[in-house]
Each structure stands twice: as C-alpha cells, then as structure tokens.
Amino acid sequence: MGKRDQLLQNIIEGLFERKANEVVHIDLDSLDYAPCSNFIICHADSDTQVRALADSVENKVEDNLNIKVSHREGIENAQWVLLDYGDAVVHIFLKEARDYYRLEDLWGDAQITMIKDE
C-alpha cells in the first residue's frame, strides 16, 4: 500500500472511530484546477463531535504515519473544520453547514465515492 493510500485509510479510520456521518472521498487527481488530490468530507451532529472527529484524524495519522497536519482551520467555532495534509484535505462539517456549502456539488466532475464503515 502506497503512502497516499495509507494516509487516506488512516483519515477514514479516524473519522469512523468517532462515528462520522456520510463520509465521502472525492478523487481530484484528474482535474487540472484542483487544489489537491483528495477531499474527504463528512459531517457530525454537534460541534463537540466535529472537534472529536478532527482530533481523532490528527491523532490517528500522527500515531500511525508520523505525519502532522500542515494546516488546521475552523476548530474554534467547529461549524466546518479543515485539516490539510497536502495530498489530502479533510472537511468536517456540522450537518447544516454541509448542506449549505454542498462541496460535493462543486466537484461534480470528479470521481466521488461514498465510504461505508466496515
């Protein structure tokens, strides 16, 4: 398994450990104008869960891969937290914010895959 796949796997495991809702992977590799190669998007039922999801992802990736998040935004109000790992950007929303911003619709020409908890 390559480094990219390991990163994505650890991100997804970190999200499911804290019961993330509707986890989606958007593969942006084929798009010339994309800011990175992968988006992982999910939502939570409360701002407390948004923070817990972000912490879980950061801990899982750092513990297993020794990779620290390069940029983290939105943790204070916990409506939309962004974790930037360079090749992958994680978006953790409150349900209402996810419905409002609809990131999946903005990247409709990319490959979008719903991820199920195993």
PDB file of N, CA and C in Angstrom:
ATOM      1  N   MET A   1       0.837  -1.175   0.000  1.00  0.00           N
ATOM      2  CA  MET A   1       0.000   0.000   0.000  1.00  0.00           C
ATOM      3  C   MET A   1       0.885   1.244   0.000  1.00  0.00           C
ATOM      4  N   GLY A   2       0.605   2.152  -0.921  1.00  0.00           N
ATOM      5  CA  GLY A   2       1.398   3.364  -1.034  1.00  0.00           C
ATOM      6  C   GLY A   2       1.111   4.361   0.076  1.00  0.00           C
ATOM      7  N   LYS A   3       1.962   5.363   0.172  1.00  0.00           N
ATOM      8  CA  LYS A   3       1.843   6.382   1.222  1.00  0.00           C
ATOM      9  C   LYS A   3       0.508   7.131   1.138  1.00  0.00           C
ATOM     10  N   ARG A   4       0.085   7.445  -0.077  1.00  0.00           N
ATOM     11  CA  ARG A   4      -1.194   8.133  -0.266  1.00  0.00           C
ATOM     12  C   ARG A   4      -2.344   7.279   0.248  1.00  0.00           C
ATOM     13  N   ASP A   5      -2.349   6.004  -0.104  1.00  0.00           N
ATOM     14  CA  ASP A   5      -3.409   5.106   0.350  1.00  0.00           C
ATOM     15  C   ASP A   5      -3.400   4.945   1.864  1.00  0.00           C
ATOM     16  N   GLN A   6      -2.206   4.898   2.452  1.00  0.00           N
ATOM     17  CA  GLN A   6      -2.104   4.799   3.908  1.00  0.00           C
ATOM     18  C   GLN A   6      -2.672   6.047   4.577  1.00  0.00           C
ATOM     19  N   LEU A   7      -2.376   7.210   4.013  1.00  0.00           N
ATOM     20  CA  LEU A   7      -2.903   8.451   4.559  1.00  0.00           C
ATOM     21  C   LEU A   7      -4.425   8.445   4.504  1.00  0.00           C
ATOM     22  N   LEU A   8      -4.983   8.125   3.356  1.00  0.00           N
ATOM     23  CA  LEU A   8      -6.440   8.102   3.215  1.00  0.00           C
ATOM     24  C   LEU A   8      -7.075   7.089   4.164  1.00  0.00           C
ATOM     25  N   GLN A   9      -6.472   5.919   4.274  1.00  0.00           N
ATOM     26  CA  GLN A   9      -7.000   4.882   5.153  1.00  0.00           C
ATOM     27  C   GLN A   9      -7.012   5.353   6.612  1.00  0.00           C
ATOM     28  N   ASN A  10      -5.938   5.982   7.053  1.00  0.00           N
ATOM     29  CA  ASN A  10      -5.866   6.461   8.433  1.00  0.00           C
ATOM     30  C   ASN A  10      -6.844   7.603   8.689  1.00  0.00           C
ATOM     31  N   ILE A  11      -7.023   8.480   7.732  1.00  0.00           N
ATOM     32  CA  ILE A  11      -8.011   9.550   7.862  1.00  0.00           C
ATOM     33  C   ILE A  11      -9.399   8.948   8.035  1.00  0.00           C
ATOM     34  N   ILE A  12      -9.746   8.023   7.181  1.00  0.00           N
ATOM     35  CA  ILE A  12     -11.076   7.407   7.221  1.00  0.00           C
ATOM     36  C   ILE A  12     -11.279   6.622   8.519  1.00  0.00           C
ATOM     37  N   GLU A  13     -10.268   5.898   8.961  1.00  0.00           N
ATOM     38  CA  GLU A  13     -10.378   5.167  10.226  1.00  0.00           C
ATOM     39  C   GLU A  13     -10.583   6.135  11.389  1.00  0.00           C
ATOM     40  N   GLY A  14      -9.852   7.247  11.384  1.00  0.00           N
ATOM     41  CA  GLY A  14     -10.016   8.243  12.437  1.00  0.00           C
ATOM     42  C   GLY A  14     -11.424   8.823  12.465  1.00  0.00           C
ATOM     43  N   LEU A  15     -12.004   9.022  11.292  1.00  0.00           N
ATOM     44  CA  LEU A  15     -13.370   9.541  11.224  1.00  0.00           C
ATOM     45  C   LEU A  15     -14.373   8.523  11.750  1.00  0.00           C
ATOM     46  N   PHE A  16     -14.237   7.275  11.334  1.00  0.00           N
ATOM     47  CA  PHE A  16     -15.203   6.266  11.765  1.00  0.00           C
ATOM     48  C   PHE A  16     -15.067   5.915  13.246  1.00  0.00           C
ATOM     49  N   GLU A  17     -13.887   6.114  13.823  1.00  0.00           N
ATOM     50  CA  GLU A  17     -13.730   5.870  15.257  1.00  0.00           C
ATOM     51  C   GLU A  17     -14.604   6.803  16.085  1.00  0.00           C
ATOM     52  N   ARG A  18     -14.952   7.958  15.543  1.00  0.00           N
ATOM     53  CA  ARG A  18     -15.793   8.923  16.254  1.00  0.00           C
ATOM     54  C   ARG A  18     -17.158   9.086  15.569  1.00  0.00           C
ATOM     55  N   LYS A  19     -17.530   8.074  14.792  1.00  0.00           N
ATOM     56  CA  LYS A  19     -18.887   7.988  14.215  1.00  0.00           C
ATOM     57  C   LYS A  19     -19.231   9.116  13.250  1.00  0.00           C
ATOM     58  N   ALA A  20     -18.333   9.398  12.317  1.00  0.00           N
ATOM     59  CA  ALA A  20     -18.616  10.395  11.287  1.00  0.00           C
ATOM     60  C   ALA A  20     -19.793   9.943  10.425  1.00  0.00           C
ATOM     61  N   ASN A  21     -20.534  10.909   9.930  1.00  0.00           N
ATOM     62  CA  ASN A  21     -21.696  10.647   9.072  1.00  0.00           C
ATOM     63  C   ASN A  21     -21.364  10.919   7.612  1.00  0.00           C
ATOM     64  N   GLU A  22     -21.867  10.050   6.737  1.00  0.00           N
ATOM     65  CA  GLU A  22     -21.786  10.226   5.279  1.00  0.00           C
ATOM     66  C   GLU A  22     -20.387  10.628   4.813  1.00  0.00           C
ATOM     67  N   VAL A  23     -19.428   9.759   5.036  1.00  0.00           N
ATOM     68  CA  VAL A  23     -18.046  10.004   4.630  1.00  0.00           C
ATOM     69  C   VAL A  23     -17.934   9.802   3.121  1.00  0.00           C
ATOM     70  N   VAL A  24     -17.374  10.808   2.465  1.00  0.00           N
ATOM     71  CA  VAL A  24     -17.229  10.800   1.009  1.00  0.00           C
ATOM     72  C   VAL A  24     -15.771  11.077   0.656  1.00  0.00           C
ATOM     73  N   HIS A  25     -15.267  10.328  -0.326  1.00  0.00           N
ATOM     74  CA  HIS A  25     -13.936  10.592  -0.883  1.00  0.00           C
ATOM     75  C   HIS A  25     -14.124  11.173  -2.277  1.00  0.00           C
ATOM     76  N   ILE A  26     -13.517  12.314  -2.520  1.00  0.00           N
ATOM     77  CA  ILE A  26     -13.531  12.920  -3.850  1.00  0.00           C
ATOM     78  C   ILE A  26     -12.113  12.862  -4.396  1.00  0.00           C
ATOM     79  N   ASP A  27     -11.937  12.101  -5.473  1.00  0.00           N
ATOM     80  CA  ASP A  27     -10.640  11.954  -6.127  1.00  0.00           C
ATOM     81  C   ASP A  27     -10.495  13.078  -7.150  1.00  0.00           C
ATOM     82  N   LEU A  28      -9.589  14.004  -6.869  1.00  0.00           N
ATOM     83  CA  LEU A  28      -9.406  15.191  -7.708  1.00  0.00           C
ATOM     84  C   LEU A  28      -8.211  15.080  -8.649  1.00  0.00           C
ATOM     85  N   ASP A  29      -7.562  13.927  -8.680  1.00  0.00           N
ATOM     86  CA  ASP A  29      -6.341  13.748  -9.479  1.00  0.00           C
ATOM     87  C   ASP A  29      -6.519  14.099 -10.949  1.00  0.00           C
ATOM     88  N   SER A  30      -7.670  13.817 -11.515  1.00  0.00           N
ATOM     89  CA  SER A  30      -7.852  14.020 -12.951  1.00  0.00           C
ATOM     90  C   SER A  30      -8.198  15.465 -13.317  1.00  0.00           C
ATOM     91  N   LEU A  31      -8.371  16.330 -12.327  1.00  0.00           N
ATOM     92  CA  LEU A  31      -8.753  17.712 -12.599  1.00  0.00           C
ATOM     93  C   LEU A  31      -7.536  18.630 -12.558  1.00  0.00           C
ATOM     94  N   ASP A  32      -7.357  19.406 -13.600  1.00  0.00           N
ATOM     95  CA  ASP A  32      -6.207  20.301 -13.692  1.00  0.00           C
ATOM     96  C   ASP A  32      -6.256  21.444 -12.679  1.00  0.00           C
ATOM     97  N   TYR A  33      -7.425  21.863 -12.294  1.00  0.00           N
ATOM     98  CA  TYR A  33      -7.594  23.040 -11.453  1.00  0.00           C
ATOM     99  C   TYR A  33      -7.792  22.713  -9.972  1.00  0.00           C
ATOM    100  N   ALA A  34      -7.628  21.482  -9.592  1.00  0.00           N
ATOM    101  CA  ALA A  34      -7.880  21.069  -8.204  1.00  0.00           C
ATOM    102  C   ALA A  34      -6.776  21.544  -7.265  1.00  0.00           C
ATOM    103  N   PRO A  35      -7.140  21.922  -6.036  1.00  0.00           N
ATOM    104  CA  PRO A  35      -6.142  22.402  -5.068  1.00  0.00           C
ATOM    105  C   PRO A  35      -5.317  21.287  -4.432  1.00  0.00           C
ATOM    106  N   CYS A  36      -5.774  20.049  -4.553  1.00  0.00           N
ATOM    107  CA  CYS A  36      -5.067  18.892  -4.002  1.00  0.00           C
ATOM    108  C   CYS A  36      -5.571  17.652  -4.739  1.00  0.00           C
ATOM    109  N   SER A  37      -5.130  16.487  -4.316  1.00  0.00           N
ATOM    110  CA  SER A  37      -5.532  15.252  -4.993  1.00  0.00           C
ATOM    111  C   SER A  37      -6.780  14.606  -4.415  1.00  0.00           C
ATOM    112  N   ASN A  38      -7.055  14.849  -3.128  1.00  0.00           N
ATOM    113  CA  ASN A  38      -8.156  14.161  -2.464  1.00  0.00           C
ATOM    114  C   ASN A  38      -8.860  15.059  -1.475  1.00  0.00           C
ATOM    115  N   PHE A  39     -10.177  14.993  -1.491  1.00  0.00           N
ATOM    116  CA  PHE A  39     -11.001  15.569  -0.436  1.00  0.00           C
ATOM    117  C   PHE A  39     -11.672  14.413   0.288  1.00  0.00           C
ATOM    118  N   ILE A  40     -11.699  14.489   1.595  1.00  0.00           N
ATOM    119  CA  ILE A  40     -12.519  13.603   2.404  1.00  0.00           C
ATOM    120  C   ILE A  40     -13.507  14.514   3.113  1.00  0.00           C
ATOM    121  N   ILE A  41     -14.796  14.240   2.950  1.00  0.00           N
ATOM    122  CA  ILE A  41     -15.841  15.089   3.509  1.00  0.00           C
ATOM    123  C   ILE A  41     -16.753  14.239   4.377  1.00  0.00           C
ATOM    124  N   CYS A  42     -17.151  14.793   5.521  1.00  0.00           N
ATOM    125  CA  CYS A  42     -18.114  14.131   6.388  1.00  0.00           C
ATOM    126  C   CYS A  42     -18.835  15.188   7.208  1.00  0.00           C
ATOM    127  N   HIS A  43     -19.799  14.740   8.001  1.00  0.00           N
ATOM    128  CA  HIS A  43     -20.430  15.680   8.924  1.00  0.00           C
ATOM    129  C   HIS A  43     -20.678  15.022  10.267  1.00  0.00           C
ATOM    130  N   ALA A  44     -20.976  15.890  11.229  1.00  0.00           N
ATOM    131  CA  ALA A  44     -21.212  15.477  12.614  1.00  0.00           C
ATOM    132  C   ALA A  44     -22.524  16.083  13.088  1.00  0.00           C
ATOM    133  N   ASP A  45     -22.999  15.572  14.220  1.00  0.00           N
ATOM    134  CA  ASP A  45     -24.278  16.021  14.769  1.00  0.00           C
ATOM    135  C   ASP A  45     -24.155  17.176  15.755  1.00  0.00           C
ATOM    136  N   SER A  46     -22.930  17.487  16.189  1.00  0.00           N
ATOM    137  CA  SER A  46     -22.725  18.578  17.145  1.00  0.00           C
ATOM    138  C   SER A  46     -21.331  19.159  16.969  1.00  0.00           C
ATOM    139  N   ASP A  47     -21.123  20.369  17.498  1.00  0.00           N
ATOM    140  CA  ASP A  47     -19.794  20.971  17.415  1.00  0.00           C
ATOM    141  C   ASP A  47     -18.788  20.164  18.241  1.00  0.00           C
ATOM    142  N   THR A  48     -19.244  19.540  19.313  1.00  0.00           N
ATOM    143  CA  THR A  48     -18.363  18.676  20.110  1.00  0.00           C
ATOM    144  C   THR A  48     -17.879  17.493  19.278  1.00  0.00           C
ATOM    145  N   GLN A  49     -18.770  16.906  18.494  1.00  0.00           N
ATOM    146  CA  GLN A  49     -18.376  15.782  17.647  1.00  0.00           C
ATOM    147  C   GLN A  49     -17.464  16.243  16.514  1.00  0.00           C
ATOM    148  N   VAL A  50     -17.691  17.433  15.982  1.00  0.00           N
ATOM    149  CA  VAL A  50     -16.801  17.963  14.938  1.00  0.00           C
ATOM    150  C   VAL A  50     -15.375  18.023  15.484  1.00  0.00           C
ATOM    151  N   ARG A  51     -15.203  18.567  16.670  1.00  0.00           N
ATOM    152  CA  ARG A  51     -13.871  18.647  17.288  1.00  0.00           C
ATOM    153  C   ARG A  51     -13.293  17.255  17.547  1.00  0.00           C
ATOM    154  N   ALA A  52     -14.135  16.336  18.037  1.00  0.00           N
ATOM    155  CA  ALA A  52     -13.672  14.974  18.311  1.00  0.00           C
ATOM    156  C   ALA A  52     -13.223  14.275  17.038  1.00  0.00           C
ATOM    157  N   LEU A  53     -13.930  14.490  15.932  1.00  0.00           N
ATOM    158  CA  LEU A  53     -13.534  13.905  14.647  1.00  0.00           C
ATOM    159  C   LEU A  53     -12.187  14.447  14.198  1.00  0.00           C
ATOM    160  N   ALA A  54     -12.011  15.755  14.304  1.00  0.00           N
ATOM    161  CA  ALA A  54     -10.740  16.377  13.906  1.00  0.00           C
ATOM    162  C   ALA A  54      -9.591  15.831  14.753  1.00  0.00           C
ATOM    163  N   ASP A  55      -9.794  15.766  16.059  1.00  0.00           N
ATOM    164  CA  ASP A  55      -8.755  15.241  16.944  1.00  0.00           C
ATOM    165  C   ASP A  55      -8.437  13.786  16.629  1.00  0.00           C
ATOM    166  N   SER A  56      -9.468  13.001  16.356  1.00  0.00           N
ATOM    167  CA  SER A  56      -9.270  11.585  16.053  1.00  0.00           C
ATOM    168  C   SER A  56      -8.435  11.395  14.786  1.00  0.00           C
ATOM    169  N   VAL A  57      -8.743  12.171  13.746  1.00  0.00           N
ATOM    170  CA  VAL A  57      -7.968  12.081  12.497  1.00  0.00           C
ATOM    171  C   VAL A  57      -6.519  12.479  12.747  1.00  0.00           C
ATOM    172  N   GLU A  58      -6.315  13.613  13.408  1.00  0.00           N
ATOM    173  CA  GLU A  58      -4.950  14.071  13.666  1.00  0.00           C
ATOM    174  C   GLU A  58      -4.155  13.047  14.466  1.00  0.00           C
ATOM    175  N   ASN A  59      -4.757  12.501  15.504  1.00  0.00           N
ATOM    176  CA  ASN A  59      -4.068  11.507  16.329  1.00  0.00           C
ATOM    177  C   ASN A  59      -3.757  10.238  15.558  1.00  0.00           C
ATOM    178  N   LYS A  60      -4.711   9.751  14.787  1.00  0.00           N
ATOM    179  CA  LYS A  60      -4.522   8.510  14.023  1.00  0.00           C
ATOM    180  C   LYS A  60      -3.398   8.676  13.004  1.00  0.00           C
ATOM    181  N   VAL A  61      -3.419   9.762  12.255  1.00  0.00           N
ATOM    182  CA  VAL A  61      -2.404   9.983  11.212  1.00  0.00           C
ATOM    183  C   VAL A  61      -1.025  10.187  11.827  1.00  0.00           C
ATOM    184  N   GLU A  62      -0.963  10.963  12.907  1.00  0.00           N
ATOM    185  CA  GLU A  62       0.336  11.200  13.530  1.00  0.00           C
ATOM    186  C   GLU A  62       0.876   9.924  14.191  1.00  0.00           C
ATOM    187  N   ASP A  63       0.031   9.202  14.903  1.00  0.00           N
ATOM    188  CA  ASP A  63       0.474   7.980  15.590  1.00  0.00           C
ATOM    189  C   ASP A  63       0.927   6.893  14.620  1.00  0.00           C
ATOM    190  N   ASN A  64       0.181   6.708  13.532  1.00  0.00           N
ATOM    191  CA  ASN A  64       0.468   5.596  12.620  1.00  0.00           C
ATOM    192  C   ASN A  64       1.451   5.939  11.504  1.00  0.00           C
ATOM    193  N   LEU A  65       1.451   7.198  11.069  1.00  0.00           N
ATOM    194  CA  LEU A  65       2.273   7.572   9.913  1.00  0.00           C
ATOM    195  C   LEU A  65       3.313   8.632  10.237  1.00  0.00           C
ATOM    196  N   ASN A  66       3.272   9.161  11.452  1.00  0.00           N
ATOM    197  CA  ASN A  66       4.181  10.225  11.864  1.00  0.00           C
ATOM    198  C   ASN A  66       4.061  11.455  10.955  1.00  0.00           C
ATOM    199  N   ILE A  67       2.825  11.755  10.562  1.00  0.00           N
ATOM    200  CA  ILE A  67       2.549  12.926   9.726  1.00  0.00           C
ATOM    201  C   ILE A  67       1.672  13.877  10.530  1.00  0.00           C
ATOM    202  N   LYS A  68       2.116  15.117  10.646  1.00  0.00           N
ATOM    203  CA  LYS A  68       1.324  16.142  11.327  1.00  0.00           C
ATOM    204  C   LYS A  68       0.526  16.927  10.296  1.00  0.00           C
ATOM    205  N   VAL A  69      -0.637  17.374  10.695  1.00  0.00           N
ATOM    206  CA  VAL A  69      -1.451  18.207   9.823  1.00  0.00           C
ATOM    207  C   VAL A  69      -0.675  19.493   9.528  1.00  0.00           C
ATOM    208  N   SER A  70      -0.648  19.903   8.261  1.00  0.00           N
ATOM    209  CA  SER A  70       0.115  21.105   7.914  1.00  0.00           C
ATOM    210  C   SER A  70      -0.681  22.379   8.157  1.00  0.00           C
ATOM    211  N   HIS A  71      -1.998  22.276   8.121  1.00  0.00           N
ATOM    212  CA  HIS A  71      -2.842  23.446   8.367  1.00  0.00           C
ATOM    213  C   HIS A  71      -4.188  22.975   8.907  1.00  0.00           C
ATOM    214  N   ARG A  72      -4.674  23.701   9.906  1.00  0.00           N
ATOM    215  CA  ARG A  72      -5.937  23.359  10.554  1.00  0.00           C
ATOM    216  C   ARG A  72      -6.737  24.647  10.707  1.00  0.00           C
ATOM    217  N   GLU A  73      -8.000  24.627  10.259  1.00  0.00           N
ATOM    218  CA  GLU A  73      -8.861  25.804  10.339  1.00  0.00           C
ATOM    219  C   GLU A  73     -10.221  25.436  10.890  1.00  0.00           C
ATOM    220  N   GLY A  74     -10.852  26.375  11.596  1.00  0.00           N
ATOM    221  CA  GLY A  74     -12.245  26.250  11.980  1.00  0.00           C
ATOM    222  C   GLY A  74     -12.526  25.543  13.281  1.00  0.00           C
ATOM    223  N   ILE A  75     -11.505  25.145  14.007  1.00  0.00           N
ATOM    224  CA  ILE A  75     -11.718  24.358  15.221  1.00  0.00           C
ATOM    225  C   ILE A  75     -12.414  25.184  16.308  1.00  0.00           C
ATOM    226  N   GLU A  76     -12.236  26.504  16.290  1.00  0.00           N
ATOM    227  CA  GLU A  76     -12.811  27.356  17.335  1.00  0.00           C
ATOM    228  C   GLU A  76     -14.333  27.313  17.332  1.00  0.00           C
ATOM    229  N   ASN A  77     -14.951  27.561  16.166  1.00  0.00           N
ATOM    230  CA  ASN A  77     -16.418  27.551  16.131  1.00  0.00           C
ATOM    231  C   ASN A  77     -16.979  26.185  15.736  1.00  0.00           C
ATOM    232  N   ALA A  78     -16.148  25.321  15.181  1.00  0.00           N
ATOM    233  CA  ALA A  78     -16.488  23.927  14.877  1.00  0.00           C
ATOM    234  C   ALA A  78     -17.743  23.776  14.028  1.00  0.00           C
ATOM    235  N   GLN A  79     -17.933  24.676  13.082  1.00  0.00           N
ATOM    236  CA  GLN A  79     -19.000  24.533  12.092  1.00  0.00           C
ATOM    237  C   GLN A  79     -18.470  23.789  10.856  1.00  0.00           C
ATOM    238  N   TRP A  80     -17.201  24.099  10.517  1.00  0.00           N
ATOM    239  CA  TRP A  80     -16.532  23.492   9.372  1.00  0.00           C
ATOM    240  C   TRP A  80     -15.044  23.490   9.710  1.00  0.00           C
ATOM    241  N   VAL A  81     -14.506  22.317   9.956  1.00  0.00           N
ATOM    242  CA  VAL A  81     -13.078  22.176  10.258  1.00  0.00           C
ATOM    243  C   VAL A  81     -12.390  21.623   9.014  1.00  0.00           C
ATOM    244  N   LEU A  82     -11.274  22.238   8.674  1.00  0.00           N
ATOM    245  CA  LEU A  82     -10.461  21.804   7.544  1.00  0.00           C
ATOM    246  C   LEU A  82      -9.113  21.336   8.084  1.00  0.00           C
ATOM    247  N   LEU A  83      -8.710  20.127   7.686  1.00  0.00           N
ATOM    248  CA  LEU A  83      -7.401  19.583   8.025  1.00  0.00           C
ATOM    249  C   LEU A  83      -6.656  19.360   6.714  1.00  0.00           C
ATOM    250  N   ASP A  84      -5.524  20.032   6.539  1.00  0.00           N
ATOM    251  CA  ASP A  84      -4.767  19.963   5.285  1.00  0.00           C
ATOM    252  C   ASP A  84      -3.536  19.090   5.463  1.00  0.00           C
ATOM    253  N   TYR A  85      -3.508  17.996   4.715  1.00  0.00           N
ATOM    254  CA  TYR A  85      -2.360  17.095   4.709  1.00  0.00           C
ATOM    255  C   TYR A  85      -1.612  17.157   3.378  1.00  0.00           C
ATOM    256  N   GLY A  86      -1.769  18.234   2.644  1.00  0.00           N
ATOM    257  CA  GLY A  86      -1.084  18.394   1.363  1.00  0.00           C
ATOM    258  C   GLY A  86      -1.794  17.633   0.265  1.00  0.00           C
ATOM    259  N   ASP A  87      -1.586  16.329   0.209  1.00  0.00           N
ATOM    260  CA  ASP A  87      -2.204  15.479  -0.808  1.00  0.00           C
ATOM    261  C   ASP A  87      -3.685  15.254  -0.534  1.00  0.00           C
ATOM    262  N   ALA A  88      -4.082  15.403   0.710  1.00  0.00           N
ATOM    263  CA  ALA A  88      -5.476  15.181   1.105  1.00  0.00           C
ATOM    264  C   ALA A  88      -5.931  16.300   2.036  1.00  0.00           C
ATOM    265  N   VAL A  89      -7.150  16.770   1.805  1.00  0.00           N
ATOM    266  CA  VAL A  89      -7.760  17.774   2.662  1.00  0.00           C
ATOM    267  C   VAL A  89      -9.046  17.177   3.218  1.00  0.00           C
ATOM    268  N   VAL A  90      -9.182  17.248   4.539  1.00  0.00           N
ATOM    269  CA  VAL A  90     -10.344  16.700   5.231  1.00  0.00           C
ATOM    270  C   VAL A  90     -11.268  17.856   5.601  1.00  0.00           C
ATOM    271  N   HIS A  91     -12.552  17.702   5.265  1.00  0.00           N
ATOM    272  CA  HIS A  91     -13.569  18.691   5.601  1.00  0.00           C
ATOM    273  C   HIS A  91     -14.561  18.032   6.548  1.00  0.00           C
ATOM    274  N   ILE A  92     -14.662  18.552   7.766  1.00  0.00           N
ATOM    275  CA  ILE A  92     -15.581  18.023   8.766  1.00  0.00           C
ATOM    276  C   ILE A  92     -16.595  19.118   9.072  1.00  0.00           C
ATOM    277  N   PHE A  93     -17.842  18.867   8.745  1.00  0.00           N
ATOM    278  CA  PHE A  93     -18.903  19.859   8.867  1.00  0.00           C
ATOM    279  C   PHE A  93     -19.900  19.494   9.959  1.00  0.00           C
ATOM    280  N   LEU A  94     -20.589  20.502  10.471  1.00  0.00           N
ATOM    281  CA  LEU A  94     -21.888  20.266  11.087  1.00  0.00           C
ATOM    282  C   LEU A  94     -22.851  19.995   9.936  1.00  0.00           C
ATOM    283  N   LYS A  95     -23.868  19.212  10.160  1.00  0.00           N
ATOM    284  CA  LYS A  95     -24.805  18.823   9.095  1.00  0.00           C
ATOM    285  C   LYS A  95     -25.354  20.046   8.359  1.00  0.00           C
ATOM    286  N   GLU A  96     -25.771  21.066   9.104  1.00  0.00           N
ATOM    287  CA  GLU A  96     -26.365  22.258   8.486  1.00  0.00           C
ATOM    288  C   GLU A  96     -25.361  22.975   7.577  1.00  0.00           C
ATOM    289  N   ALA A  97     -24.110  23.055   8.009  1.00  0.00           N
ATOM    290  CA  ALA A  97     -23.076  23.709   7.198  1.00  0.00           C
ATOM    291  C   ALA A  97     -22.783  22.894   5.940  1.00  0.00           C
ATOM    292  N   ARG A  98     -22.757  21.578   6.075  1.00  0.00           N
ATOM    293  CA  ARG A  98     -22.513  20.731   4.893  1.00  0.00           C
ATOM    294  C   ARG A  98     -23.633  20.914   3.880  1.00  0.00           C
ATOM    295  N   ASP A  99     -24.863  20.942   4.351  1.00  0.00           N
ATOM    296  CA  ASP A  99     -25.996  21.141   3.444  1.00  0.00           C
ATOM    297  C   ASP A  99     -25.944  22.501   2.768  1.00  0.00           C
ATOM    298  N   TYR A 100     -25.455  23.501   3.475  1.00  0.00           N
ATOM    299  CA  TYR A 100     -25.378  24.850   2.927  1.00  0.00           C
ATOM    300  C   TYR A 100     -24.280  24.974   1.864  1.00  0.00           C
ATOM    301  N   TYR A 101     -23.073  24.492   2.171  1.00  0.00           N
ATOM    302  CA  TYR A 101     -21.930  24.678   1.264  1.00  0.00           C
ATOM    303  C   TYR A 101     -21.883  23.672   0.119  1.00  0.00           C
ATOM    304  N   ARG A 102     -22.404  22.461   0.327  1.00  0.00           N
ATOM    305  CA  ARG A 102     -22.526  21.437  -0.715  1.00  0.00           C
ATOM    306  C   ARG A 102     -21.253  21.277  -1.556  1.00  0.00           C
ATOM    307  N   LEU A 103     -20.136  21.011  -0.898  1.00  0.00           N
ATOM    308  CA  LEU A 103     -18.857  20.858  -1.603  1.00  0.00           C
ATOM    309  C   LEU A 103     -18.895  19.764  -2.658  1.00  0.00           C
ATOM    310  N   GLU A 104     -19.612  18.708  -2.399  1.00  0.00           N
ATOM    311  CA  GLU A 104     -19.680  17.620  -3.378  1.00  0.00           C
ATOM    312  C   GLU A 104     -20.208  18.124  -4.716  1.00  0.00           C
ATOM    313  N   ASP A 105     -21.157  19.059  -4.688  1.00  0.00           N
ATOM    314  CA  ASP A 105     -21.707  19.599  -5.926  1.00  0.00           C
ATOM    315  C   ASP A 105     -20.692  20.442  -6.688  1.00  0.00           C
ATOM    316  N   LEU A 106     -19.794  21.106  -5.964  1.00  0.00           N
ATOM    317  CA  LEU A 106     -18.780  21.937  -6.619  1.00  0.00           C
ATOM    318  C   LEU A 106     -17.763  21.108  -7.385  1.00  0.00           C
ATOM    319  N   TRP A 107     -17.587  19.841  -6.971  1.00  0.00           N
ATOM    320  CA  TRP A 107     -16.602  18.968  -7.592  1.00  0.00           C
ATOM    321  C   TRP A 107     -17.297  17.809  -8.307  1.00  0.00           C
ATOM    322  N   GLY A 108     -18.445  18.078  -8.908  1.00  0.00           N
ATOM    323  CA  GLY A 108     -19.253  17.047  -9.550  1.00  0.00           C
ATOM    324  C   GLY A 108     -18.580  16.347 -10.718  1.00  0.00           C
ATOM    325  N   ASP A 109     -17.564  16.955 -11.309  1.00  0.00           N
ATOM    326  CA  ASP A 109     -16.864  16.318 -12.423  1.00  0.00           C
ATOM    327  C   ASP A 109     -15.724  15.419 -11.962  1.00  0.00           C
ATOM    328  N   ALA A 110     -15.537  15.296 -10.650  1.00  0.00           N
ATOM    329  CA  ALA A 110     -14.519  14.401 -10.091  1.00  0.00           C
ATOM    330  C   ALA A 110     -15.179  13.075  -9.710  1.00  0.00           C
ATOM    331  N   GLN A 111     -14.354  12.071  -9.452  1.00  0.00           N
ATOM    332  CA  GLN A 111     -14.868  10.782  -9.002  1.00  0.00           C
ATOM    333  C   GLN A 111     -15.219  10.885  -7.515  1.00  0.00           C
ATOM    334  N   ILE A 112     -16.477  10.641  -7.185  1.00  0.00           N
ATOM    335  CA  ILE A 112     -16.977  10.743  -5.815  1.00  0.00           C
ATOM    336  C   ILE A 112     -17.404   9.361  -5.344  1.00  0.00           C
ATOM    337  N   THR A 113     -16.869   8.965  -4.183  1.00  0.00           N
ATOM    338  CA  THR A 113     -17.160   7.637  -3.631  1.00  0.00           C
ATOM    339  C   THR A 113     -17.639   7.774  -2.187  1.00  0.00           C
ATOM    340  N   MET A 114     -18.806   7.191  -1.912  1.00  0.00           N
ATOM    341  CA  MET A 114     -19.303   7.126  -0.530  1.00  0.00           C
ATOM    342  C   MET A 114     -18.553   6.003   0.181  1.00  0.00           C
ATOM    343  N   ILE A 115     -18.013   6.294   1.372  1.00  0.00           N
ATOM    344  CA  ILE A 115     -17.245   5.317   2.143  1.00  0.00           C
ATOM    345  C   ILE A 115     -18.120   4.796   3.278  1.00  0.00           C
ATOM    346  N   LYS A 116     -18.213   3.490   3.381  1.00  0.00           N
ATOM    347  CA  LYS A 116     -19.011   2.856   4.458  1.00  0.00           C
ATOM    348  C   LYS A 116     -18.089   2.371   5.551  1.00  0.00           C
ATOM    349  N   ASP A 117     -18.567   2.451   6.777  1.00  0.00           N
ATOM    350  CA  ASP A 117     -17.832   1.926   7.930  1.00  0.00           C
ATOM    351  C   ASP A 117     -17.879   0.407   7.852  1.00  0.00           C
ATOM    352  N   GLU A 118     -16.699  -0.210   8.009  1.00  0.00           N
ATOM    353  CA  GLU A 118     -16.628  -1.675   7.885  1.00  0.00           C
ATOM    354  C   GLU A 118     -16.841  -2.362   9.170  1.00  0.00           C
TER     355      GLU A 118
END
